[in-house]
Amino acid sequence: MRSYLLRRLPSALLVLFAASFLIFAILRLVPGDPATSLAGPDASPATVAAIRDRLGLDAPLLSQYAHWIGSLLTGDLGPSYAIGGEVSDLIGDGLGATTELTLAALLFVIVLGTAFGILGATSRSRWIRGAIRVTTTAALAVPPFVSGVLLVVLFAVVLGVLPPGGRVAFLDAPDLAAQYLLLPALCLALPSAAVLGRYLKDGIERALAEDYIRTATAAGVAPRRLLWRHALPNALPPVVTLLGMQTGHLLGGAVLVEAIFAWPGLGQLAEQGLQRRDYPVVQDLLLLLVAVFVVVQLLTDLVYAWLDPRIRWE
């Protein structure tokens, strides 16, 4: 296991390097100039040129890229161009809120996806199976910005049981914080829970169709024991891989969900950075998301190997 992890580290570092170069290049291709945005529409060319010189934007692109990578390696992310303050402080302020939202959504994904998969594969009621099929199809078909609005209308406007947006820190008021967290976490989790449920359902059905399950059933082994001790563990390895991929999707989807529910996380920070052409903020945020996704994939592969002893990393 350790040797496998050591072999994967060079490829992970290569992915991070390639991602950093693409992020840097794509941001420079986006129309707009930070110096022009900071100077204002009535600024003279000399003023814009002075701002570009102060920000280092008049240096060659490779020099700017090397300076950015060097700053990352030393831990000095530098100041924000337009938002104000240090980039590390801005990311640190929003990271806690985004992590809180993502972890809550991941919990919903695991609970709802497991329920959808097990009930869809084992329930004898056509109504239950049909309801699960309709729910998962709707969760996949309806985009988050539509489901988010529907959740707000239903639970905040019509029923009035949950707040429509905002955030309260858990340390200040845990019960109130959970109420503010429930709707955005559920909105973010629904598509991934539907995907996880369908994969788990198919895996359980394939496991239950194996010959050893039929033999155990004929020998009188209880169906519940067959499910929890044999079928479910055999269906888990590919589902764990899928869960790792969906974790990355949750981080990406948090940007949109945070805008819908006025959640003060990294999504709002990224939106402000893009609107104001704040290169340091946006490129550091995007590279952070890539790094988190790479780490999650490494952990997912290790868990897959732990669940399936037939895998030989050597």
C-alpha atoms as a PDB file:
ATOM      1  CA  MET A   1       0.000   0.000   0.000  1.00  0.00           C
ATOM      2  CA  ARG A   2       2.770   2.401   0.899  1.00  0.00           C
ATOM      3  CA  SER A   3       4.704   1.622  -2.266  1.00  0.00           C
ATOM      4  CA  TYR A   4       1.581   2.243  -4.337  1.00  0.00           C
ATOM      5  CA  LEU A   5       1.115   5.640  -2.695  1.00  0.00           C
ATOM      6  CA  LEU A   6       4.754   6.553  -3.337  1.00  0.00           C
ATOM      7  CA  ARG A   7       4.388   5.566  -6.992  1.00  0.00           C
ATOM      8  CA  ARG A   8       1.306   7.729  -7.346  1.00  0.00           C
ATOM      9  CA  LEU A   9       2.870  10.874  -5.870  1.00  0.00           C
ATOM     10  CA  PRO A  10       4.901  11.832  -8.984  1.00  0.00           C
ATOM     11  CA  SER A  11       1.813  11.615 -11.196  1.00  0.00           C
ATOM     12  CA  ALA A  12      -0.177  13.665  -8.675  1.00  0.00           C
ATOM     13  CA  LEU A  13       2.523  16.344  -8.660  1.00  0.00           C
ATOM     14  CA  LEU A  14       2.539  16.314 -12.459  1.00  0.00           C
ATOM     15  CA  VAL A  15      -1.229  16.837 -12.509  1.00  0.00           C
ATOM     16  CA  LEU A  16      -0.881  19.799 -10.136  1.00  0.00           C
ATOM     17  CA  PHE A  17       1.863  21.318 -12.283  1.00  0.00           C
ATOM     18  CA  ALA A  18      -0.154  20.928 -15.495  1.00  0.00           C
ATOM     19  CA  ALA A  19      -3.264  22.312 -13.786  1.00  0.00           C
ATOM     20  CA  SER A  20      -1.360  25.352 -12.506  1.00  0.00           C
ATOM     21  CA  PHE A  21      -0.093  26.141 -16.011  1.00  0.00           C
ATOM     22  CA  LEU A  22      -3.555  25.751 -17.571  1.00  0.00           C
ATOM     23  CA  ILE A  23      -5.205  27.859 -14.870  1.00  0.00           C
ATOM     24  CA  PHE A  24      -2.624  30.620 -15.315  1.00  0.00           C
ATOM     25  CA  ALA A  25      -2.939  30.594 -19.112  1.00  0.00           C
ATOM     26  CA  ILE A  26      -6.750  30.436 -19.257  1.00  0.00           C
ATOM     27  CA  LEU A  27      -7.175  33.340 -16.837  1.00  0.00           C
ATOM     28  CA  ARG A  28      -4.963  35.501 -19.057  1.00  0.00           C
ATOM     29  CA  LEU A  29      -7.153  34.628 -22.054  1.00  0.00           C
ATOM     30  CA  VAL A  30     -10.322  35.862 -20.331  1.00  0.00           C
ATOM     31  CA  PRO A  31     -11.292  39.302 -21.698  1.00  0.00           C
ATOM     32  CA  GLY A  32     -10.571  42.167 -19.333  1.00  0.00           C
ATOM     33  CA  ASP A  33      -7.603  43.712 -17.586  1.00  0.00           C
ATOM     34  CA  PRO A  34      -7.180  44.025 -13.790  1.00  0.00           C
ATOM     35  CA  ALA A  35      -5.327  47.323 -14.204  1.00  0.00           C
ATOM     36  CA  THR A  36      -8.161  48.805 -16.264  1.00  0.00           C
ATOM     37  CA  SER A  37     -10.754  47.586 -13.756  1.00  0.00           C
ATOM     38  CA  LEU A  38      -8.830  49.115 -10.854  1.00  0.00           C
ATOM     39  CA  ALA A  39      -8.148  52.398 -12.639  1.00  0.00           C
ATOM     40  CA  GLY A  40     -11.771  52.957 -13.636  1.00  0.00           C
ATOM     41  CA  PRO A  41     -13.327  53.879 -16.978  1.00  0.00           C
ATOM     42  CA  ASP A  42     -12.052  57.493 -16.980  1.00  0.00           C
ATOM     43  CA  ALA A  43      -8.404  56.723 -16.167  1.00  0.00           C
ATOM     44  CA  SER A  44      -5.673  57.861 -18.500  1.00  0.00           C
ATOM     45  CA  PRO A  45      -3.357  55.363 -20.255  1.00  0.00           C
ATOM     46  CA  ALA A  46      -0.514  56.536 -18.037  1.00  0.00           C
ATOM     47  CA  THR A  47      -2.497  55.672 -14.915  1.00  0.00           C
ATOM     48  CA  VAL A  48      -3.354  52.213 -16.276  1.00  0.00           C
ATOM     49  CA  ALA A  49       0.289  51.643 -17.195  1.00  0.00           C
ATOM     50  CA  ALA A  50       1.402  52.655 -13.703  1.00  0.00           C
ATOM     51  CA  ILE A  51      -1.029  50.202 -12.111  1.00  0.00           C
ATOM     52  CA  ARG A  52       0.138  47.413 -14.429  1.00  0.00           C
ATOM     53  CA  ASP A  53       3.731  48.128 -13.444  1.00  0.00           C
ATOM     54  CA  ARG A  54       2.879  48.133  -9.723  1.00  0.00           C
ATOM     55  CA  LEU A  55       1.040  44.791 -10.013  1.00  0.00           C
ATOM     56  CA  GLY A  56       3.748  43.241 -12.176  1.00  0.00           C
ATOM     57  CA  LEU A  57       1.373  42.662 -15.072  1.00  0.00           C
ATOM     58  CA  ASP A  58       3.789  44.199 -17.591  1.00  0.00           C
ATOM     59  CA  ALA A  59       6.354  41.440 -16.981  1.00  0.00           C
ATOM     60  CA  PRO A  60       6.593  38.485 -19.403  1.00  0.00           C
ATOM     61  CA  LEU A  61       3.991  35.784 -18.811  1.00  0.00           C
ATOM     62  CA  LEU A  62       6.563  33.118 -17.980  1.00  0.00           C
ATOM     63  CA  SER A  63       8.097  35.458 -15.422  1.00  0.00           C
ATOM     64  CA  GLN A  64       4.663  36.053 -13.871  1.00  0.00           C
ATOM     65  CA  TYR A  65       4.020  32.301 -13.781  1.00  0.00           C
ATOM     66  CA  ALA A  66       7.389  31.597 -12.151  1.00  0.00           C
ATOM     67  CA  HIS A  67       6.741  34.310  -9.555  1.00  0.00           C
ATOM     68  CA  TRP A  68       3.334  32.788  -8.754  1.00  0.00           C
ATOM     69  CA  ILE A  69       4.719  29.257  -8.355  1.00  0.00           C
ATOM     70  CA  GLY A  70       7.550  30.559  -6.202  1.00  0.00           C
ATOM     71  CA  SER A  71       5.056  32.349  -3.973  1.00  0.00           C
ATOM     72  CA  LEU A  72       3.033  29.154  -3.602  1.00  0.00           C
ATOM     73  CA  LEU A  73       6.088  27.113  -2.651  1.00  0.00           C
ATOM     74  CA  THR A  74       7.089  29.663   0.009  1.00  0.00           C
ATOM     75  CA  GLY A  75       3.537  29.959   1.361  1.00  0.00           C
ATOM     76  CA  ASP A  76       3.313  33.678   0.589  1.00  0.00           C
ATOM     77  CA  LEU A  77       0.217  34.067  -1.599  1.00  0.00           C
ATOM     78  CA  GLY A  78       0.553  37.822  -1.715  1.00  0.00           C
ATOM     79  CA  PRO A  79      -2.118  40.541  -1.727  1.00  0.00           C
ATOM     80  CA  SER A  80      -5.381  40.591  -3.620  1.00  0.00           C
ATOM     81  CA  TYR A  81      -5.569  42.956  -6.592  1.00  0.00           C
ATOM     82  CA  ALA A  82      -9.130  44.198  -6.197  1.00  0.00           C
ATOM     83  CA  ILE A  83     -10.935  42.601  -3.230  1.00  0.00           C
ATOM     84  CA  GLY A  84      -8.360  43.777  -0.711  1.00  0.00           C
ATOM     85  CA  GLY A  85      -6.323  42.001   1.951  1.00  0.00           C
ATOM     86  CA  GLU A  86      -4.026  39.021   1.775  1.00  0.00           C
ATOM     87  CA  VAL A  87      -5.116  36.121  -0.441  1.00  0.00           C
ATOM     88  CA  SER A  88      -4.305  33.606   2.296  1.00  0.00           C
ATOM     89  CA  ASP A  89      -6.616  35.441   4.716  1.00  0.00           C
ATOM     90  CA  LEU A  90      -9.435  35.623   2.158  1.00  0.00           C
ATOM     91  CA  ILE A  91      -9.183  31.907   1.367  1.00  0.00           C
ATOM     92  CA  GLY A  92      -8.907  31.027   5.053  1.00  0.00           C
ATOM     93  CA  ASP A  93     -12.083  32.975   5.854  1.00  0.00           C
ATOM     94  CA  GLY A  94     -14.125  31.177   3.192  1.00  0.00           C
ATOM     95  CA  LEU A  95     -12.536  27.737   3.484  1.00  0.00           C
ATOM     96  CA  GLY A  96     -14.258  26.876   6.748  1.00  0.00           C
ATOM     97  CA  ALA A  97     -17.722  27.687   5.381  1.00  0.00           C
ATOM     98  CA  THR A  98     -17.158  25.729   2.154  1.00  0.00           C
ATOM     99  CA  THR A  99     -15.719  22.747   4.034  1.00  0.00           C
ATOM    100  CA  GLU A 100     -18.717  22.770   6.362  1.00  0.00           C
ATOM    101  CA  LEU A 101     -21.135  22.819   3.421  1.00  0.00           C
ATOM    102  CA  THR A 102     -19.242  20.119   1.497  1.00  0.00           C
ATOM    103  CA  LEU A 103     -18.993  17.741   4.465  1.00  0.00           C
ATOM    104  CA  ALA A 104     -22.693  18.156   5.260  1.00  0.00           C
ATOM    105  CA  ALA A 105     -23.556  17.490   1.615  1.00  0.00           C
ATOM    106  CA  LEU A 106     -21.260  14.448   1.595  1.00  0.00           C
ATOM    107  CA  LEU A 107     -23.101  13.081   4.628  1.00  0.00           C
ATOM    108  CA  PHE A 108     -26.409  13.529   2.792  1.00  0.00           C
ATOM    109  CA  VAL A 109     -24.936  11.800  -0.278  1.00  0.00           C
ATOM    110  CA  ILE A 110     -23.866   8.764   1.747  1.00  0.00           C
ATOM    111  CA  VAL A 111     -27.131   8.457   3.693  1.00  0.00           C
ATOM    112  CA  LEU A 112     -29.516   9.122   0.797  1.00  0.00           C
ATOM    113  CA  GLY A 113     -27.443   7.202  -1.765  1.00  0.00           C
ATOM    114  CA  THR A 114     -27.229   4.152   0.499  1.00  0.00           C
ATOM    115  CA  ALA A 115     -30.971   4.267   1.172  1.00  0.00           C
ATOM    116  CA  PHE A 116     -31.783   4.647  -2.541  1.00  0.00           C
ATOM    117  CA  GLY A 117     -29.453   1.775  -3.492  1.00  0.00           C
ATOM    118  CA  ILE A 118     -30.529  -0.736  -0.841  1.00  0.00           C
ATOM    119  CA  LEU A 119     -34.278  -0.071  -1.125  1.00  0.00           C
ATOM    120  CA  GLY A 120     -34.148   0.002  -4.917  1.00  0.00           C
ATOM    121  CA  ALA A 121     -32.381  -3.356  -5.038  1.00  0.00           C
ATOM    122  CA  THR A 122     -34.172  -5.253  -2.242  1.00  0.00           C
ATOM    123  CA  SER A 123     -37.660  -3.784  -1.842  1.00  0.00           C
ATOM    124  CA  ARG A 124     -40.491  -6.004  -3.044  1.00  0.00           C
ATOM    125  CA  SER A 125     -42.902  -3.086  -3.360  1.00  0.00           C
ATOM    126  CA  ARG A 126     -43.307  -1.707  -6.870  1.00  0.00           C
ATOM    127  CA  TRP A 127     -44.414   1.608  -5.381  1.00  0.00           C
ATOM    128  CA  ILE A 128     -41.210   2.029  -3.384  1.00  0.00           C
ATOM    129  CA  ARG A 129     -39.017   1.095  -6.334  1.00  0.00           C
ATOM    130  CA  GLY A 130     -40.994   3.412  -8.583  1.00  0.00           C
ATOM    131  CA  ALA A 131     -40.763   6.282  -6.099  1.00  0.00           C
ATOM    132  CA  ILE A 132     -36.982   5.834  -5.827  1.00  0.00           C
ATOM    133  CA  ARG A 133     -36.650   5.746  -9.610  1.00  0.00           C
ATOM    134  CA  VAL A 134     -38.667   8.950 -10.002  1.00  0.00           C
ATOM    135  CA  THR A 135     -36.747  10.683  -7.201  1.00  0.00           C
ATOM    136  CA  THR A 136     -33.318   9.828  -8.580  1.00  0.00           C
ATOM    137  CA  THR A 137     -34.328  10.780 -12.120  1.00  0.00           C
ATOM    138  CA  ALA A 138     -35.651  14.142 -10.946  1.00  0.00           C
ATOM    139  CA  ALA A 139     -32.535  14.774  -8.844  1.00  0.00           C
ATOM    140  CA  LEU A 140     -30.347  14.184 -11.901  1.00  0.00           C
ATOM    141  CA  ALA A 141     -32.530  16.086 -14.361  1.00  0.00           C
ATOM    142  CA  VAL A 142     -33.190  19.245 -12.332  1.00  0.00           C
ATOM    143  CA  PRO A 143     -30.113  21.526 -12.090  1.00  0.00           C
ATOM    144  CA  PRO A 144     -29.090  22.850  -8.649  1.00  0.00           C
ATOM    145  CA  PHE A 145     -30.126  26.435  -9.377  1.00  0.00           C
ATOM    146  CA  VAL A 146     -33.680  25.189 -10.015  1.00  0.00           C
ATOM    147  CA  SER A 147     -33.838  22.693  -7.134  1.00  0.00           C
ATOM    148  CA  GLY A 148     -32.358  25.333  -4.815  1.00  0.00           C
ATOM    149  CA  VAL A 149     -35.087  27.807  -5.659  1.00  0.00           C
ATOM    150  CA  LEU A 150     -37.745  25.106  -5.249  1.00  0.00           C
ATOM    151  CA  LEU A 151     -36.376  24.156  -1.829  1.00  0.00           C
ATOM    152  CA  VAL A 152     -36.385  27.789  -0.723  1.00  0.00           C
ATOM    153  CA  VAL A 153     -39.965  28.317  -1.932  1.00  0.00           C
ATOM    154  CA  LEU A 154     -41.210  25.134  -0.251  1.00  0.00           C
ATOM    155  CA  PHE A 155     -39.409  25.167   3.103  1.00  0.00           C
ATOM    156  CA  ALA A 156     -38.741  28.885   3.610  1.00  0.00           C
ATOM    157  CA  VAL A 157     -41.698  30.604   1.939  1.00  0.00           C
ATOM    158  CA  VAL A 158     -44.618  28.151   1.980  1.00  0.00           C
ATOM    159  CA  LEU A 159     -43.873  26.149   5.140  1.00  0.00           C
ATOM    160  CA  GLY A 160     -41.655  28.736   6.828  1.00  0.00           C
ATOM    161  CA  VAL A 161     -39.663  26.134   8.769  1.00  0.00           C
ATOM    162  CA  LEU A 162     -36.136  26.892   7.468  1.00  0.00           C
ATOM    163  CA  PRO A 163     -34.263  30.114   6.663  1.00  0.00           C
ATOM    164  CA  PRO A 164     -33.857  30.926   2.942  1.00  0.00           C
ATOM    165  CA  GLY A 165     -30.128  31.727   3.105  1.00  0.00           C
ATOM    166  CA  GLY A 166     -27.159  32.940   5.077  1.00  0.00           C
ATOM    167  CA  ARG A 167     -24.935  31.221   7.597  1.00  0.00           C
ATOM    168  CA  VAL A 168     -24.501  30.981  11.362  1.00  0.00           C
ATOM    169  CA  ALA A 169     -21.329  29.519  12.861  1.00  0.00           C
ATOM    170  CA  PHE A 170     -21.765  26.231  14.714  1.00  0.00           C
ATOM    171  CA  LEU A 171     -19.776  27.495  17.674  1.00  0.00           C
ATOM    172  CA  ASP A 172     -22.194  30.378  18.146  1.00  0.00           C
ATOM    173  CA  ALA A 173     -25.503  28.481  17.909  1.00  0.00           C
ATOM    174  CA  PRO A 174     -25.368  24.808  16.788  1.00  0.00           C
ATOM    175  CA  ASP A 175     -29.132  24.353  16.449  1.00  0.00           C
ATOM    176  CA  LEU A 176     -29.565  27.545  14.405  1.00  0.00           C
ATOM    177  CA  ALA A 177     -26.490  26.758  12.313  1.00  0.00           C
ATOM    178  CA  ALA A 178     -27.946  23.357  11.386  1.00  0.00           C
ATOM    179  CA  GLN A 179     -31.131  25.048  10.151  1.00  0.00           C
ATOM    180  CA  TYR A 180     -29.145  27.377   7.883  1.00  0.00           C
ATOM    181  CA  LEU A 181     -27.022  24.484   6.630  1.00  0.00           C
ATOM    182  CA  LEU A 182     -29.811  22.028   5.831  1.00  0.00           C
ATOM    183  CA  LEU A 183     -31.179  23.498   2.579  1.00  0.00           C
ATOM    184  CA  PRO A 184     -27.872  24.275   0.793  1.00  0.00           C
ATOM    185  CA  ALA A 185     -26.385  20.922   1.812  1.00  0.00           C
ATOM    186  CA  LEU A 186     -29.447  19.039   0.553  1.00  0.00           C
ATOM    187  CA  CYS A 187     -29.483  21.008  -2.706  1.00  0.00           C
ATOM    188  CA  LEU A 188     -25.812  20.262  -3.282  1.00  0.00           C
ATOM    189  CA  ALA A 189     -26.147  16.574  -2.382  1.00  0.00           C
ATOM    190  CA  LEU A 190     -29.206  15.522  -4.407  1.00  0.00           C
ATOM    191  CA  PRO A 191     -27.555  14.858  -7.822  1.00  0.00           C
ATOM    192  CA  SER A 192     -24.597  12.978  -6.324  1.00  0.00           C
ATOM    193  CA  ALA A 193     -26.898  10.966  -4.044  1.00  0.00           C
ATOM    194  CA  ALA A 194     -28.962   9.922  -7.074  1.00  0.00           C
ATOM    195  CA  VAL A 195     -25.841   8.777  -8.962  1.00  0.00           C
ATOM    196  CA  LEU A 196     -24.506   6.915  -5.928  1.00  0.00           C
ATOM    197  CA  GLY A 197     -27.861   5.243  -5.318  1.00  0.00           C
ATOM    198  CA  ARG A 198     -28.110   3.962  -8.881  1.00  0.00           C
ATOM    199  CA  TYR A 199     -24.582   2.549  -8.859  1.00  0.00           C
ATOM    200  CA  LEU A 200     -25.133   0.891  -5.492  1.00  0.00           C
ATOM    201  CA  LYS A 201     -28.453  -0.570  -6.620  1.00  0.00           C
ATOM    202  CA  ASP A 202     -26.864  -2.112  -9.721  1.00  0.00           C
ATOM    203  CA  GLY A 203     -23.951  -3.461  -7.677  1.00  0.00           C
ATOM    204  CA  ILE A 204     -26.210  -5.081  -5.081  1.00  0.00           C
ATOM    205  CA  GLU A 205     -28.407  -6.633  -7.767  1.00  0.00           C
ATOM    206  CA  ARG A 206     -25.345  -8.131  -9.495  1.00  0.00           C
ATOM    207  CA  ALA A 207     -24.032  -9.461  -6.185  1.00  0.00           C
ATOM    208  CA  LEU A 208     -27.385 -11.000  -5.274  1.00  0.00           C
ATOM    209  CA  ALA A 209     -27.447 -12.796  -8.641  1.00  0.00           C
ATOM    210  CA  GLU A 210     -24.147 -14.613  -7.973  1.00  0.00           C
ATOM    211  CA  ASP A 211     -24.147 -18.390  -7.550  1.00  0.00           C
ATOM    212  CA  TYR A 212     -22.802 -18.305  -3.999  1.00  0.00           C
ATOM    213  CA  ILE A 213     -25.761 -16.129  -2.950  1.00  0.00           C
ATOM    214  CA  ARG A 214     -28.210 -18.638  -4.422  1.00  0.00           C
ATOM    215  CA  THR A 215     -26.387 -21.453  -2.622  1.00  0.00           C
ATOM    216  CA  ALA A 216     -26.498 -19.562   0.675  1.00  0.00           C
ATOM    217  CA  THR A 217     -30.181 -18.796   0.174  1.00  0.00           C
ATOM    218  CA  ALA A 218     -30.933 -22.458  -0.470  1.00  0.00           C
ATOM    219  CA  ALA A 219     -28.994 -23.315   2.693  1.00  0.00           C
ATOM    220  CA  GLY A 220     -31.327 -21.100   4.715  1.00  0.00           C
ATOM    221  CA  VAL A 221     -29.108 -18.066   5.355  1.00  0.00           C
ATOM    222  CA  ALA A 222     -31.226 -15.046   6.319  1.00  0.00           C
ATOM    223  CA  PRO A 223     -31.702 -12.462   3.518  1.00  0.00           C
ATOM    224  CA  ARG A 224     -30.589  -9.642   5.812  1.00  0.00           C
ATOM    225  CA  ARG A 225     -27.319 -11.429   6.541  1.00  0.00           C
ATOM    226  CA  LEU A 226     -26.767 -12.050   2.833  1.00  0.00           C
ATOM    227  CA  LEU A 227     -27.271  -8.378   2.121  1.00  0.00           C
ATOM    228  CA  TRP A 228     -25.092  -6.874   4.850  1.00  0.00           C
ATOM    229  CA  ARG A 229     -22.337  -9.515   5.043  1.00  0.00           C
ATOM    230  CA  HIS A 230     -21.958 -10.482   1.395  1.00  0.00           C
ATOM    231  CA  ALA A 231     -23.826  -8.469  -1.258  1.00  0.00           C
ATOM    232  CA  LEU A 232     -23.182  -4.966   0.114  1.00  0.00           C
ATOM    233  CA  PRO A 233     -19.406  -5.415   0.744  1.00  0.00           C
ATOM    234  CA  ASN A 234     -18.972  -6.810  -2.783  1.00  0.00           C
ATOM    235  CA  ALA A 235     -20.858  -3.829  -4.250  1.00  0.00           C
ATOM    236  CA  LEU A 236     -18.897  -1.201  -2.297  1.00  0.00           C
ATOM    237  CA  PRO A 237     -15.486  -0.951  -4.087  1.00  0.00           C
ATOM    238  CA  PRO A 238     -16.724   0.690  -7.333  1.00  0.00           C
ATOM    239  CA  VAL A 239     -19.134   2.817  -5.307  1.00  0.00           C
ATOM    240  CA  VAL A 240     -16.224   4.118  -3.204  1.00  0.00           C
ATOM    241  CA  THR A 241     -14.436   5.185  -6.392  1.00  0.00           C
ATOM    242  CA  LEU A 242     -17.589   6.941  -7.551  1.00  0.00           C
ATOM    243  CA  LEU A 243     -17.949   8.627  -4.166  1.00  0.00           C
ATOM    244  CA  GLY A 244     -14.435  10.026  -4.484  1.00  0.00           C
ATOM    245  CA  MET A 245     -15.300  11.493  -7.878  1.00  0.00           C
ATOM    246  CA  GLN A 246     -18.550  12.938  -6.557  1.00  0.00           C
ATOM    247  CA  THR A 247     -16.634  14.644  -3.739  1.00  0.00           C
ATOM    248  CA  GLY A 248     -14.825  16.667  -6.378  1.00  0.00           C
ATOM    249  CA  HIS A 249     -18.150  17.490  -8.001  1.00  0.00           C
ATOM    250  CA  LEU A 250     -19.471  18.674  -4.643  1.00  0.00           C
ATOM    251  CA  LEU A 251     -16.592  21.126  -4.339  1.00  0.00           C
ATOM    252  CA  GLY A 252     -17.277  22.462  -7.822  1.00  0.00           C
ATOM    253  CA  GLY A 253     -21.033  22.622  -7.292  1.00  0.00           C
ATOM    254  CA  ALA A 254     -20.588  24.496  -4.021  1.00  0.00           C
ATOM    255  CA  VAL A 255     -19.747  27.629  -6.043  1.00  0.00           C
ATOM    256  CA  LEU A 256     -23.263  27.759  -7.522  1.00  0.00           C
ATOM    257  CA  VAL A 257     -25.083  26.637  -4.388  1.00  0.00           C
ATOM    258  CA  GLU A 258     -23.318  29.247  -2.267  1.00  0.00           C
ATOM    259  CA  ALA A 259     -24.541  31.943  -4.631  1.00  0.00           C
ATOM    260  CA  ILE A 260     -28.137  30.684  -4.382  1.00  0.00           C
ATOM    261  CA  PHE A 261     -28.211  30.520  -0.585  1.00  0.00           C
ATOM    262  CA  ALA A 262     -25.892  33.486   0.136  1.00  0.00           C
ATOM    263  CA  TRP A 263     -23.428  31.120   1.791  1.00  0.00           C
ATOM    264  CA  PRO A 264     -20.182  33.037   2.547  1.00  0.00           C
ATOM    265  CA  GLY A 265     -17.689  30.474   1.297  1.00  0.00           C
ATOM    266  CA  LEU A 266     -15.091  30.097  -1.426  1.00  0.00           C
ATOM    267  CA  GLY A 267     -17.779  30.197  -4.102  1.00  0.00           C
ATOM    268  CA  GLN A 268     -18.649  33.806  -3.363  1.00  0.00           C
ATOM    269  CA  LEU A 269     -14.946  34.643  -3.188  1.00  0.00           C
ATOM    270  CA  ALA A 270     -14.359  33.055  -6.611  1.00  0.00           C
ATOM    271  CA  GLU A 271     -17.311  34.969  -8.064  1.00  0.00           C
ATOM    272  CA  GLN A 272     -15.952  38.271  -6.753  1.00  0.00           C
ATOM    273  CA  GLY A 273     -12.479  37.457  -8.040  1.00  0.00           C
ATOM    274  CA  LEU A 274     -13.729  36.645 -11.546  1.00  0.00           C
ATOM    275  CA  GLN A 275     -15.881  39.749 -11.764  1.00  0.00           C
ATOM    276  CA  ARG A 276     -12.987  42.000 -10.693  1.00  0.00           C
ATOM    277  CA  ARG A 277     -10.279  40.127 -12.643  1.00  0.00           C
ATOM    278  CA  ASP A 278      -8.452  39.412  -9.393  1.00  0.00           C
ATOM    279  CA  TYR A 279      -5.868  36.945 -10.744  1.00  0.00           C
ATOM    280  CA  PRO A 280      -4.177  35.952  -7.453  1.00  0.00           C
ATOM    281  CA  VAL A 281      -7.460  35.062  -5.762  1.00  0.00           C
ATOM    282  CA  VAL A 282      -8.956  33.087  -8.656  1.00  0.00           C
ATOM    283  CA  GLN A 283      -5.858  31.125  -9.636  1.00  0.00           C
ATOM    284  CA  ASP A 284      -5.066  30.174  -6.031  1.00  0.00           C
ATOM    285  CA  LEU A 285      -8.671  29.052  -5.469  1.00  0.00           C
ATOM    286  CA  LEU A 286      -8.785  26.938  -8.629  1.00  0.00           C
ATOM    287  CA  LEU A 287      -5.462  25.282  -7.865  1.00  0.00           C
ATOM    288  CA  LEU A 288      -6.654  24.572  -4.319  1.00  0.00           C
ATOM    289  CA  LEU A 289      -9.726  22.778  -5.697  1.00  0.00           C
ATOM    290  CA  VAL A 290      -7.543  20.705  -8.032  1.00  0.00           C
ATOM    291  CA  ALA A 291      -5.233  19.805  -5.146  1.00  0.00           C
ATOM    292  CA  VAL A 292      -8.159  18.707  -2.982  1.00  0.00           C
ATOM    293  CA  PHE A 293      -9.534  16.587  -5.829  1.00  0.00           C
ATOM    294  CA  VAL A 294      -6.134  14.894  -6.337  1.00  0.00           C
ATOM    295  CA  VAL A 295      -5.841  14.103  -2.626  1.00  0.00           C
ATOM    296  CA  VAL A 296      -9.385  12.723  -2.536  1.00  0.00           C
ATOM    297  CA  GLN A 297      -8.625  10.450  -5.491  1.00  0.00           C
ATOM    298  CA  LEU A 298      -5.505   9.100  -3.763  1.00  0.00           C
ATOM    299  CA  LEU A 299      -7.471   8.374  -0.593  1.00  0.00           C
ATOM    300  CA  THR A 300     -10.239   6.759  -2.643  1.00  0.00           C
ATOM    301  CA  ASP A 301      -7.789   4.383  -4.298  1.00  0.00           C
ATOM    302  CA  LEU A 302      -6.374   3.394  -0.908  1.00  0.00           C
ATOM    303  CA  VAL A 303      -9.851   2.693   0.477  1.00  0.00           C
ATOM    304  CA  TYR A 304     -10.670   0.680  -2.667  1.00  0.00           C
ATOM    305  CA  ALA A 305      -7.603  -1.491  -2.057  1.00  0.00           C
ATOM    306  CA  TRP A 306      -8.574  -1.969   1.586  1.00  0.00           C
ATOM    307  CA  LEU A 307     -12.119  -3.065   0.630  1.00  0.00           C
ATOM    308  CA  ASP A 308     -11.030  -5.384  -2.180  1.00  0.00           C
ATOM    309  CA  PRO A 309      -8.093  -7.618  -1.101  1.00  0.00           C
ATOM    310  CA  ARG A 310      -7.934  -9.110  -4.609  1.00  0.00           C
ATOM    311  CA  ILE A 311      -6.177  -5.961  -5.818  1.00  0.00           C
ATOM    312  CA  ARG A 312      -2.400  -6.394  -6.006  1.00  0.00           C
ATOM    313  CA  TRP A 313      -0.662  -3.045  -6.108  1.00  0.00           C
ATOM    314  CA  GLU A 314       2.683  -4.750  -6.511  1.00  0.00           C
END
